[in-house]
Amino acid sequence: MSSGQGPAERVIQAGRRMLNSLIATGETRLRLAVLELELERDRLLTIMMLAGASLILFAFGIGMLLLMLIVAYWEEHRVLAIGLSGGVLLLISALLALGAKRIAKQRKLMESTLSNLSQDRHYLESSRESS
């Protein structure tokens, strides 16, 4: 310790160091949150583009198969073929919608940031109790 420092100056310097530490920790956590949001945005964009292309090709394929089925049964059972095709498509659509809803309920956004903030809060609470 320097002999020129009084108790008030040491308290002020300790407060400044603590404030700098808090700001640095907050900045680190904010950078982590921004990074996670950017990664999630890129991942979602990629998923949406691939899913869109896949859906377009899937729709064309299903359309061609249904057209082939209806043409094959045009003479004897055309109404039955059209009705069964529509029913199967509606059933598959409902199952896919339920699966999408289940996946959408899973929370993963900013998981690391929230975990780190929870650890910081726990550390601050435990250090407060010990002093």
Foldseek 3Di string as FASTA:
>chain_A
DDPPDDPVNVVVVVVVVVVVVVVVVVVVLVVLLVVLVVVVVVVVVVVVVVVVVVVVVVVVVLVVVLVVQLVVCVPPPNVVSVVVSVVVVVVVVVVVVVVVVVVVPDDDRCPVSVVVVVVVVVVVVVVVVVD
